[in-house]
N, C-alpha and C. Protein backbone atom coordinates (compact mmCIF):
# COMPACT_ATOMS: atom_id res chain seq x y z
N UNK A 1 0.95 -1.30 0.00
CA UNK A 1 0.05 -0.17 -0.02
C UNK A 1 1.09 1.43 -0.01
N UNK A 2 0.41 2.40 -0.67
CA UNK A 2 0.93 3.71 -0.74
C UNK A 2 0.92 4.34 0.87
N UNK A 3 1.87 4.90 1.23
CA UNK A 3 1.94 5.53 2.53
C UNK A 3 0.61 6.47 2.77
N UNK A 4 0.45 7.39 1.43
CA UNK A 4 -0.88 8.28 1.87
C UNK A 4 -1.82 7.55 2.26
N UNK A 5 -2.26 6.31 1.48
CA UNK A 5 -3.35 5.54 2.07
C UNK A 5 -3.41 4.89 3.17
N UNK A 6 -2.29 4.59 3.66
CA UNK A 6 -2.07 3.92 5.08
C UNK A 6 -2.47 5.11 6.13
N UNK A 7 -1.94 6.07 5.72
CA UNK A 7 -2.14 7.45 6.53
C UNK A 7 -3.60 7.91 6.63
N UNK A 8 -4.08 7.80 5.47
CA UNK A 8 -5.79 7.90 5.51
C UNK A 8 -6.46 7.15 6.32
N UNK A 9 -5.94 5.74 6.41
CA UNK A 9 -6.52 4.80 6.91
C UNK A 9 -6.56 4.48 8.49
N UNK A 10 -5.30 5.02 8.84
CA UNK A 10 -4.82 5.52 10.19
C UNK A 10 -5.73 6.63 10.67
N UNK A 11 -5.85 7.67 9.87
CA UNK A 11 -6.51 8.80 10.46
C UNK A 11 -7.86 8.35 10.64
N UNK A 12 -8.72 7.97 9.69
CA UNK A 12 -9.90 7.28 9.79
C UNK A 12 -10.27 6.46 10.96
N UNK A 13 -9.38 5.62 11.27
CA UNK A 13 -9.25 4.39 12.30
C UNK A 13 -9.29 5.48 13.77
N UNK A 14 -8.55 6.43 13.87
CA UNK A 14 -8.33 7.19 14.84
C UNK A 14 -9.62 8.26 14.71
N UNK A 15 -10.12 8.51 13.96
CA UNK A 15 -11.65 9.28 14.11
C UNK A 15 -12.71 8.63 14.62
N UNK A 16 -12.77 7.14 14.09
CA UNK A 16 -13.68 6.46 14.51
C UNK A 16 -13.78 6.02 16.20
N UNK A 17 -12.43 5.89 16.13
CA UNK A 17 -12.17 5.66 17.78
C UNK A 17 -12.45 6.72 18.71
N UNK A 18 -12.20 7.85 18.17
CA UNK A 18 -12.74 8.90 19.19
C UNK A 18 -14.11 9.19 19.13
N UNK A 19 -14.83 8.71 17.82
CA UNK A 19 -16.24 9.40 18.11
C UNK A 19 -16.84 7.96 18.96
N UNK A 20 -16.39 6.71 18.90
CA UNK A 20 -17.05 5.65 19.48
C UNK A 20 -16.72 6.02 21.33
N UNK A 21 -15.45 6.51 21.33
CA UNK A 21 -15.16 6.76 22.90
C UNK A 21 -16.10 7.95 23.33
N UNK A 22 -16.57 8.89 22.75
CA UNK A 22 -17.35 9.87 22.82
C UNK A 22 -18.78 9.33 23.35
N UNK A 23 -19.04 8.83 22.24
CA UNK A 23 -20.60 8.46 22.24
C UNK A 23 -20.71 7.35 23.29
N UNK A 24 -19.83 6.15 23.65
CA UNK A 24 -20.15 5.13 24.21
C UNK A 24 -19.70 5.24 25.67
N UNK A 25 -18.54 6.27 26.18
CA UNK A 25 -17.90 6.14 27.35
C UNK A 25 -19.07 6.88 28.26
N UNK A 26 -18.94 6.18 29.30
CA UNK A 26 -20.17 6.69 30.56
C UNK A 26 -20.12 8.01 31.13
N UNK A 27 -19.79 9.08 30.35
CA UNK A 27 -19.40 10.41 30.98
C UNK A 27 -20.43 11.27 31.31
N UNK A 28 -21.94 10.62 31.41
CA UNK A 28 -22.98 11.36 31.73
C UNK A 28 -22.97 11.37 33.28
N UNK A 29 -22.40 10.77 33.90
CA UNK A 29 -22.39 11.11 35.57
C UNK A 29 -20.85 11.25 36.19
N UNK A 30 -21.09 12.17 36.98
CA UNK A 30 -19.85 12.34 37.82
C UNK A 30 -19.76 11.33 38.82
N UNK A 31 -18.46 10.79 38.97
CA UNK A 31 -18.09 9.56 40.21
C UNK A 31 -18.54 10.25 41.44
N UNK A 32 -19.18 9.44 42.29
CA UNK A 32 -19.63 9.83 43.59
C UNK A 32 -18.58 10.35 44.49
N UNK A 33 -17.10 9.77 44.38
CA UNK A 33 -15.96 10.00 45.03
C UNK A 33 -15.75 11.34 44.47
N UNK A 34 -15.94 12.04 43.30
CA UNK A 34 -15.27 13.43 43.06
C UNK A 34 -16.41 14.42 43.13
N UNK A 35 -17.75 14.23 43.47
CA UNK A 35 -18.46 15.07 43.94
C UNK A 35 -18.14 16.02 44.77
N UNK A 36 -18.71 16.98 44.93
CA UNK A 36 -18.27 18.14 46.25
C UNK A 36 -19.01 17.88 47.37
N UNK A 37 -18.80 17.57 48.65
CA UNK A 37 -19.44 17.21 49.83
C UNK A 37 -20.63 18.15 50.16
N UNK A 38 -21.54 17.95 50.94
CA UNK A 38 -22.87 19.13 51.18
C UNK A 38 -21.94 19.92 52.37
N UNK A 39 -20.85 19.85 52.71
CA UNK A 39 -20.27 20.43 53.88
C UNK A 39 -19.58 21.70 53.04
N UNK A 40 -19.64 21.39 51.82
CA UNK A 40 -18.76 22.94 50.83
C UNK A 40 -19.69 24.16 51.14
N UNK A 41 -19.20 25.05 52.02
CA UNK A 41 -19.61 26.09 51.91
C UNK A 41 -19.71 27.05 50.94
N UNK A 42 -20.96 27.70 50.43
CA UNK A 42 -20.86 28.57 49.60
C UNK A 42 -20.23 29.86 49.95
N UNK A 43 -19.75 30.60 48.90
CA UNK A 43 -19.01 31.81 49.10
C UNK A 43 -19.90 32.88 50.06
N UNK A 44 -18.92 33.44 50.85
CA UNK A 44 -19.46 34.54 51.93
C UNK A 44 -19.35 35.89 51.54
N UNK A 45 -20.17 36.75 52.10
CA UNK A 45 -20.09 38.28 52.00
C UNK A 45 -20.60 38.57 50.41
N UNK A 46 -21.51 37.60 49.74
CA UNK A 46 -21.89 38.05 48.75
C UNK A 46 -23.07 39.26 48.85
N UNK A 47 -22.83 40.25 47.66
CA UNK A 47 -23.75 41.34 48.03
C UNK A 47 -25.00 41.33 47.57
N UNK A 48 -26.10 41.92 48.48
CA UNK A 48 -27.25 41.92 47.96
C UNK A 48 -27.48 42.61 46.74
N UNK A 49 -28.34 42.13 45.95
CA UNK A 49 -28.89 43.14 44.72
C UNK A 49 -29.61 44.56 45.45
N UNK A 50 -29.41 45.83 44.95
CA UNK A 50 -30.00 46.81 45.03
C UNK A 50 -31.51 47.09 44.71
N UNK A 51 -31.88 46.29 43.84
CA UNK A 51 -33.13 46.51 43.44
C UNK A 51 -34.15 45.44 44.00
N UNK A 52 -34.88 45.85 44.80
CA UNK A 52 -35.74 44.70 45.52
C UNK A 52 -37.02 44.25 44.72
N UNK A 53 -37.14 42.93 44.54
CA UNK A 53 -38.09 42.12 43.49
C UNK A 53 -39.39 42.52 44.29
N UNK A 54 -40.38 42.79 43.72
CA UNK A 54 -41.82 42.38 44.40
C UNK A 54 -42.16 40.86 44.40
N UNK A 55 -42.10 40.57 45.59
CA UNK A 55 -42.15 38.78 45.87
C UNK A 55 -43.39 38.88 47.05
N UNK A 56 -44.47 38.06 46.77
CA UNK A 56 -45.55 38.09 47.98
C UNK A 56 -44.90 36.98 48.82
N UNK A 57 -44.43 35.83 48.33
CA UNK A 57 -43.98 34.69 48.92
C UNK A 57 -43.02 34.99 49.95
N UNK A 58 -43.17 34.37 51.22
CA UNK A 58 -42.08 33.94 51.92
C UNK A 58 -40.89 32.77 51.76
N UNK A 59 -40.94 32.29 50.67
CA UNK A 59 -40.17 31.19 50.41
C UNK A 59 -39.89 31.01 49.23
N UNK A 60 -38.94 30.59 48.50
CA UNK A 60 -38.32 30.13 47.07
C UNK A 60 -38.45 28.73 47.01
N UNK A 61 -38.44 28.17 45.62
CA UNK A 61 -38.30 26.98 45.49
C UNK A 61 -36.55 26.71 45.02
N UNK A 62 -35.94 25.50 45.70
CA UNK A 62 -34.53 25.60 45.51
C UNK A 62 -34.58 24.04 44.82
N UNK A 63 -33.90 24.19 43.74
CA UNK A 63 -33.92 22.75 42.89
C UNK A 63 -32.48 22.24 42.93
N UNK A 64 -32.46 20.95 43.17
CA UNK A 64 -31.76 19.94 43.19
C UNK A 64 -31.82 19.24 42.05
N UNK A 65 -30.48 19.07 41.12
CA UNK A 65 -30.73 18.41 39.95
C UNK A 65 -30.21 16.82 40.17
N UNK A 66 -31.25 15.90 39.71
CA UNK A 66 -30.66 14.46 39.67
C UNK A 66 -30.93 13.89 38.47
N UNK A 67 -30.23 12.63 38.10
CA UNK A 67 -30.24 12.16 36.80
C UNK A 67 -30.94 10.77 37.23
N UNK A 68 -32.09 10.57 36.37
CA UNK A 68 -33.12 9.30 36.42
C UNK A 68 -32.96 8.66 35.10
N UNK A 69 -32.51 7.33 34.85
CA UNK A 69 -32.16 7.12 33.58
C UNK A 69 -31.57 8.00 32.36
N UNK A 70 -30.68 8.48 32.92
CA UNK A 70 -30.06 9.52 31.68
C UNK A 70 -30.76 10.76 31.57
N UNK A 71 -31.86 11.05 32.34
CA UNK A 71 -32.92 12.37 32.20
C UNK A 71 -32.54 13.13 33.45
N UNK A 72 -32.61 14.33 33.00
CA UNK A 72 -32.45 15.29 34.15
C UNK A 72 -33.81 15.61 34.69
N UNK A 73 -33.46 15.63 35.90
CA UNK A 73 -34.81 16.00 36.71
C UNK A 73 -34.47 16.99 37.91
N UNK A 74 -35.31 17.41 38.47
CA UNK A 74 -34.96 18.52 39.42
C UNK A 74 -35.87 18.32 40.79
N UNK A 75 -35.31 17.74 42.20
CA UNK A 75 -35.88 17.78 43.02
C UNK A 75 -36.20 19.29 43.76
N UNK A 76 -37.52 19.60 44.01
CA UNK A 76 -37.77 20.84 44.61
C UNK A 76 -37.70 21.08 46.12
N UNK A 77 -37.26 21.81 47.03
CA UNK A 77 -37.49 21.69 48.15
C UNK A 77 -37.68 23.68 48.64
N UNK A 78 -38.40 24.00 49.64
CA UNK A 78 -38.64 25.27 49.92
C UNK A 78 -37.59 25.65 50.76
N UNK A 79 -37.41 27.02 50.79
CA UNK A 79 -36.52 27.85 51.40
C UNK A 79 -37.07 28.81 51.64
N UNK A 80 -36.63 29.11 52.89
CA UNK A 80 -37.61 30.42 53.37
C UNK A 80 -36.67 31.65 53.12
N UNK A 81 -37.23 32.96 53.03
CA UNK A 81 -36.29 34.18 52.80
C UNK A 81 -36.87 34.97 53.78
N UNK A 82 -35.84 35.74 54.52
CA UNK A 82 -35.91 36.72 55.10
C UNK A 82 -36.54 38.20 54.40
N UNK A 83 -37.00 39.06 55.31
CA UNK A 83 -37.49 39.99 54.44
C UNK A 83 -36.44 40.69 53.93
N UNK A 84 -35.49 40.88 54.14
CA UNK A 84 -34.22 41.65 53.42
C UNK A 84 -33.17 41.02 52.39
N UNK A 85 -33.69 39.82 52.20
CA UNK A 85 -33.03 38.72 51.20
C UNK A 85 -33.81 38.94 49.91
N UNK A 86 -32.98 38.81 48.68
CA UNK A 86 -33.50 38.71 47.59
C UNK A 86 -33.91 37.34 46.79
N UNK A 87 -34.92 37.38 46.80
CA UNK A 87 -35.67 35.97 46.63
C UNK A 87 -35.05 35.10 45.26
N UNK A 88 -34.66 36.01 44.34
CA UNK A 88 -34.04 35.84 42.90
C UNK A 88 -32.79 35.17 43.40
N UNK A 89 -31.73 35.93 44.35
CA UNK A 89 -30.50 35.21 44.91
C UNK A 89 -30.74 34.24 45.23
N UNK A 90 -31.48 33.92 46.39
CA UNK A 90 -31.72 32.90 47.37
C UNK A 90 -32.09 31.79 46.73
N UNK A 91 -32.99 31.67 45.46
CA UNK A 91 -33.41 30.63 44.42
C UNK A 91 -32.27 30.31 43.80
N UNK A 92 -31.34 31.29 43.07
CA UNK A 92 -30.41 30.97 42.23
C UNK A 92 -29.20 30.12 42.93
N UNK A 93 -28.39 30.94 43.90
CA UNK A 93 -27.44 30.38 44.72
C UNK A 93 -27.81 29.07 45.35
N UNK A 94 -29.01 28.90 45.58
CA UNK A 94 -29.54 27.57 46.46
C UNK A 94 -29.42 26.53 45.43
N UNK A 95 -29.66 26.77 44.16
CA UNK A 95 -29.67 25.98 43.28
C UNK A 95 -28.07 25.69 42.86
N UNK A 96 -27.08 26.68 42.75
CA UNK A 96 -25.96 26.46 42.62
C UNK A 96 -25.10 25.45 43.42
N UNK A 97 -25.56 25.90 44.74
CA UNK A 97 -25.00 25.03 45.73
C UNK A 97 -25.17 23.60 45.69
N UNK A 98 -26.52 23.40 45.32
CA UNK A 98 -27.41 22.09 45.21
C UNK A 98 -26.78 21.14 44.01
N UNK A 99 -26.58 21.83 43.03
CA UNK A 99 -25.89 21.33 41.76
C UNK A 99 -24.62 20.99 41.85
N UNK A 100 -23.73 21.48 42.75
CA UNK A 100 -22.16 21.20 42.76
C UNK A 100 -21.91 21.00 41.29
N UNK A 101 -22.08 21.72 40.24
CA UNK A 101 -21.37 21.58 39.29
C UNK A 101 -20.17 22.80 39.11
N UNK A 102 -20.72 23.96 39.29
CA UNK A 102 -20.00 25.29 39.16
C UNK A 102 -18.76 25.22 40.32
N UNK A 103 -17.87 26.05 40.31
CA UNK A 103 -16.83 26.01 41.37
C UNK A 103 -17.80 27.14 42.67
N UNK A 104 -17.37 26.78 43.73
CA UNK A 104 -17.89 26.99 45.12
C UNK A 104 -17.99 28.63 45.19
N UNK A 105 -17.05 29.44 44.56
CA UNK A 105 -17.10 30.53 44.94
C UNK A 105 -17.87 31.29 43.37
N UNK A 106 -18.52 30.47 42.68
CA UNK A 106 -19.09 30.78 41.47
C UNK A 106 -20.62 30.75 41.78
N UNK A 107 -21.14 32.32 42.50
CA UNK A 107 -22.23 32.58 43.04
C UNK A 107 -22.80 33.75 42.16
N UNK A 108 -24.01 34.07 42.34
CA UNK A 108 -24.85 34.97 41.78
C UNK A 108 -24.76 36.13 42.66
N UNK A 109 -24.01 37.38 42.32
CA UNK A 109 -23.80 38.54 43.14
C UNK A 109 -25.29 39.26 43.06
N UNK A 110 -26.07 39.46 41.95
CA UNK A 110 -27.19 40.16 42.05
C UNK A 110 -28.15 39.39 40.98
N UNK A 111 -29.23 39.67 41.04
CA UNK A 111 -30.20 39.07 40.43
C UNK A 111 -31.54 40.20 40.41
N UNK A 112 -31.85 40.91 39.41
CA UNK A 112 -33.05 41.59 38.99
C UNK A 112 -33.97 41.47 38.11
N UNK A 113 -34.94 41.76 38.15
CA UNK A 113 -35.78 41.55 36.93
C UNK A 113 -36.17 42.79 36.22
N UNK A 114 -35.84 42.97 35.00
CA UNK A 114 -35.95 44.21 34.32
C UNK A 114 -37.09 43.74 33.00
N UNK A 115 -38.27 44.58 33.20
CA UNK A 115 -39.10 43.80 32.42
C UNK A 115 -39.44 42.18 32.60
N UNK A 116 -39.44 41.66 31.42
CA UNK A 116 -39.70 40.07 31.55
C UNK A 116 -38.36 39.56 31.93
N UNK A 117 -37.35 40.06 32.02
CA UNK A 117 -35.91 39.52 32.07
C UNK A 117 -35.57 39.45 33.05
N UNK A 118 -34.92 38.43 33.88
CA UNK A 118 -34.30 38.25 34.83
C UNK A 118 -32.80 38.31 34.86
N UNK A 119 -32.20 39.43 35.35
CA UNK A 119 -30.58 39.47 34.87
C UNK A 119 -29.82 39.15 35.97
N UNK A 120 -29.04 38.26 35.99
CA UNK A 120 -28.42 37.46 37.03
C UNK A 120 -26.58 37.85 36.51
N UNK A 121 -26.39 38.52 37.80
CA UNK A 121 -24.81 38.75 37.61
C UNK A 121 -23.94 37.72 38.29
N UNK A 122 -23.28 37.21 37.83
CA UNK A 122 -22.17 35.94 38.78
C UNK A 122 -20.93 36.43 38.65
N UNK A 123 -20.41 35.72 39.94
CA UNK A 123 -19.02 36.32 39.99
C UNK A 123 -18.02 35.56 38.84
N UNK A 124 -16.88 36.11 38.62
CA UNK A 124 -15.78 35.85 37.73
C UNK A 124 -15.56 34.31 37.69
N UNK A 125 -15.52 33.67 38.76
CA UNK A 125 -15.27 32.40 38.99
C UNK A 125 -16.49 31.40 37.95
N UNK A 126 -17.79 32.00 37.71
CA UNK A 126 -18.77 30.99 36.82
C UNK A 126 -18.41 31.06 35.47
N UNK A 127 -17.48 31.96 34.96
CA UNK A 127 -17.35 32.22 33.39
C UNK A 127 -16.05 31.17 33.25
N UNK A 128 -16.42 30.09 32.74
CA UNK A 128 -15.38 28.86 32.59
C UNK A 128 -16.04 27.88 31.73
N UNK A 129 -14.98 27.16 31.37
CA UNK A 129 -15.64 26.05 30.22
C UNK A 129 -15.95 24.77 31.24
N UNK A 130 -17.51 24.25 30.53
CA UNK A 130 -18.06 23.11 31.57
C UNK A 130 -18.39 22.12 30.41
N UNK A 131 -18.47 20.92 30.70
CA UNK A 131 -18.79 19.82 29.80
C UNK A 131 -20.06 20.04 29.69
N UNK A 132 -20.44 19.07 28.83
CA UNK A 132 -22.11 19.19 28.05
C UNK A 132 -23.06 18.74 29.23
N UNK A 133 -22.97 18.35 29.99
CA UNK A 133 -23.73 17.60 31.01
C UNK A 133 -23.81 18.60 32.18
N UNK A 134 -22.60 18.96 32.58
CA UNK A 134 -22.72 20.13 33.36
C UNK A 134 -23.68 21.52 32.81
N UNK A 135 -23.18 22.04 31.81
CA UNK A 135 -23.55 23.22 30.94
C UNK A 135 -25.06 22.88 30.77
N UNK A 136 -25.52 21.81 30.46
CA UNK A 136 -27.10 21.48 30.75
C UNK A 136 -27.83 21.42 31.92
N UNK A 137 -27.10 20.75 32.84
CA UNK A 137 -27.57 20.81 34.14
C UNK A 137 -28.07 22.37 34.96
N UNK A 138 -26.59 23.35 34.25
CA UNK A 138 -26.90 24.64 34.78
C UNK A 138 -27.79 25.38 33.95
N UNK A 139 -27.68 25.23 32.89
CA UNK A 139 -28.90 26.02 31.95
C UNK A 139 -30.27 25.91 32.26
N UNK A 140 -30.36 24.46 32.39
CA UNK A 140 -31.71 24.01 32.61
C UNK A 140 -32.23 24.27 34.24
N UNK A 141 -31.11 24.04 34.89
CA UNK A 141 -31.76 24.56 36.23
C UNK A 141 -31.94 26.01 36.64
N UNK A 142 -31.37 26.86 35.52
CA UNK A 142 -31.61 28.20 35.92
C UNK A 142 -32.90 28.48 35.49
N UNK A 143 -33.13 28.27 34.41
CA UNK A 143 -34.58 28.09 33.39
C UNK A 143 -35.41 27.80 34.78
N UNK A 144 -35.50 26.72 35.12
CA UNK A 144 -36.47 26.08 36.28
C UNK A 144 -36.41 26.90 36.98
N UNK A 145 -35.23 27.45 37.79
CA UNK A 145 -35.68 28.37 38.95
C UNK A 145 -36.40 29.74 38.69
N UNK A 146 -36.07 30.26 37.23
CA UNK A 146 -36.86 31.41 37.02
C UNK A 146 -38.12 31.15 36.93
N UNK A 147 -38.88 30.03 36.34
CA UNK A 147 -40.31 29.83 36.08
C UNK A 147 -40.90 29.94 37.33
N UNK A 148 -40.56 30.07 38.68
CA UNK A 148 -41.26 30.20 39.93
C UNK A 148 -41.52 31.66 40.00
N UNK A 149 -40.67 32.61 39.13
CA UNK A 149 -41.26 33.99 39.70
C UNK A 149 -42.04 34.52 38.41
N UNK A 150 -43.37 34.92 38.56
CA UNK A 150 -44.18 35.58 37.84
C UNK A 150 -43.48 36.82 36.96
N UNK A 151 -44.06 36.41 35.65
CA UNK A 151 -43.44 37.28 34.61
C UNK A 151 -41.96 37.25 34.07
N UNK A 152 -41.42 36.32 34.58
CA UNK A 152 -39.88 36.20 33.84
C UNK A 152 -40.17 35.41 32.86
N UNK A 153 -39.79 35.75 31.69
CA UNK A 153 -39.63 34.81 30.39
C UNK A 153 -38.37 34.66 30.04
N UNK A 154 -37.33 35.46 30.27
CA UNK A 154 -35.95 35.43 29.74
C UNK A 154 -35.17 35.57 30.85
N UNK A 155 -33.80 34.81 30.78
CA UNK A 155 -32.84 35.04 31.85
C UNK A 155 -31.54 35.65 30.82
N UNK A 156 -31.06 36.73 31.44
CA UNK A 156 -29.77 37.35 30.96
C UNK A 156 -28.74 36.82 31.81
N UNK A 157 -27.45 36.26 31.27
CA UNK A 157 -26.27 36.27 32.27
C UNK A 157 -25.33 37.14 32.03
N UNK A 158 -24.82 37.48 32.98
CA UNK A 158 -23.71 38.44 33.15
C UNK A 158 -22.62 37.95 33.97
N UNK A 159 -21.36 38.53 33.97
CA UNK A 159 -20.13 38.30 35.13
C UNK A 159 -19.54 39.20 35.04
N UNK A 160 -19.61 39.62 36.32
CA UNK A 160 -19.05 41.04 36.96
C UNK A 160 -20.01 42.38 36.27
N UNK A 161 -20.94 42.10 35.81
CA UNK A 161 -21.96 43.24 35.03
C UNK A 161 -21.49 43.18 33.62
N UNK A 162 -20.49 42.55 33.05
CA UNK A 162 -20.56 42.49 31.68
C UNK A 162 -21.07 41.03 30.84
N UNK A 163 -21.77 41.43 29.78
CA UNK A 163 -22.10 40.23 28.82
C UNK A 163 -21.45 38.96 28.59
N UNK A 164 -21.60 37.64 28.68
CA UNK A 164 -20.44 36.55 28.41
C UNK A 164 -21.15 36.15 26.73
N UNK A 165 -20.28 35.91 26.13
CA UNK A 165 -20.75 35.12 24.70
C UNK A 165 -20.99 33.85 24.86
N UNK A 166 -20.48 33.02 25.53
CA UNK A 166 -20.72 31.54 25.83
C UNK A 166 -20.50 30.89 27.17
N UNK A 167 -21.30 29.90 27.18
CA UNK A 167 -21.11 28.95 28.32
C UNK A 167 -20.62 27.73 27.86
N UNK A 168 -19.32 27.47 27.75
CA UNK A 168 -19.19 26.10 27.02
C UNK A 168 -19.43 26.14 25.53
N UNK A 169 -20.79 25.51 25.26
CA UNK A 169 -21.24 25.41 23.49
C UNK A 169 -22.25 26.19 23.28
N UNK A 170 -22.96 26.75 24.66
CA UNK A 170 -24.08 27.31 24.26
C UNK A 170 -23.94 28.89 24.02
N UNK A 171 -24.62 29.47 23.28
CA UNK A 171 -24.33 30.79 22.75
C UNK A 171 -25.00 31.79 23.67
N UNK A 172 -24.48 32.62 24.61
CA UNK A 172 -25.19 33.64 25.39
C UNK A 172 -25.35 34.95 24.86
N UNK A 173 -24.91 35.29 23.52
CA UNK A 173 -25.36 37.04 23.06
C UNK A 173 -26.59 37.09 23.05
N UNK A 174 -27.71 35.99 23.04
CA UNK A 174 -29.16 36.51 23.33
C UNK A 174 -29.63 35.79 24.85
N UNK A 175 -30.55 36.64 25.02
CA UNK A 175 -31.10 36.14 26.41
C UNK A 175 -31.67 34.65 26.18
N UNK A 176 -31.71 34.02 27.14
CA UNK A 176 -32.17 32.68 27.13
C UNK A 176 -33.77 32.30 27.63
N UNK A 177 -34.39 31.86 26.66
CA UNK A 177 -36.00 31.69 27.07
C UNK A 177 -36.06 30.77 27.96
N UNK A 178 -37.13 31.02 29.30
CA UNK A 178 -37.51 30.47 30.04
C UNK A 178 -38.14 29.24 29.64
N UNK A 179 -39.41 29.36 28.84
CA UNK A 179 -40.15 28.65 28.45
C UNK A 179 -39.85 28.33 27.16
N UNK A 180 -38.88 27.40 26.66
CA UNK A 180 -38.79 27.07 25.38
C UNK A 180 -38.66 25.58 24.84
């Protein structure tokens, strides 16, 4: 055989092996030993938002992601909010803490509703590359978290007050629809 043919066949074989590895490898779950423990404390001294949301409830739903038969679902629990707490922040940061996907210091610093858009501003640590499953968990969890607040139709994610273009493979140049 010619060297060019051999190299082509080796390249196709390597491509096929890579494809098979990506498709067949059980990478949809984080091994239990690598999960953060519940004792991991969220970042402290996170400032509250300056705009007070109008929310009648004295509690918010905090979501904890779980995978059942390779399907992402959310277990909901109520968390009480104090009079001076921002319910959006409590819900979003509660989700991040329960999800254990983002770094511990990646938290929402502010969350305000502007029209029908919930603008969530995260710390710099939030802006990183996430794997497909983690990205899916984060974005779907933020959508589900936002659904509990009346009038929220879209989410805008910012980091330190600046728009970010992507979160892994997802384009964030446009607001994220809550119900899509």
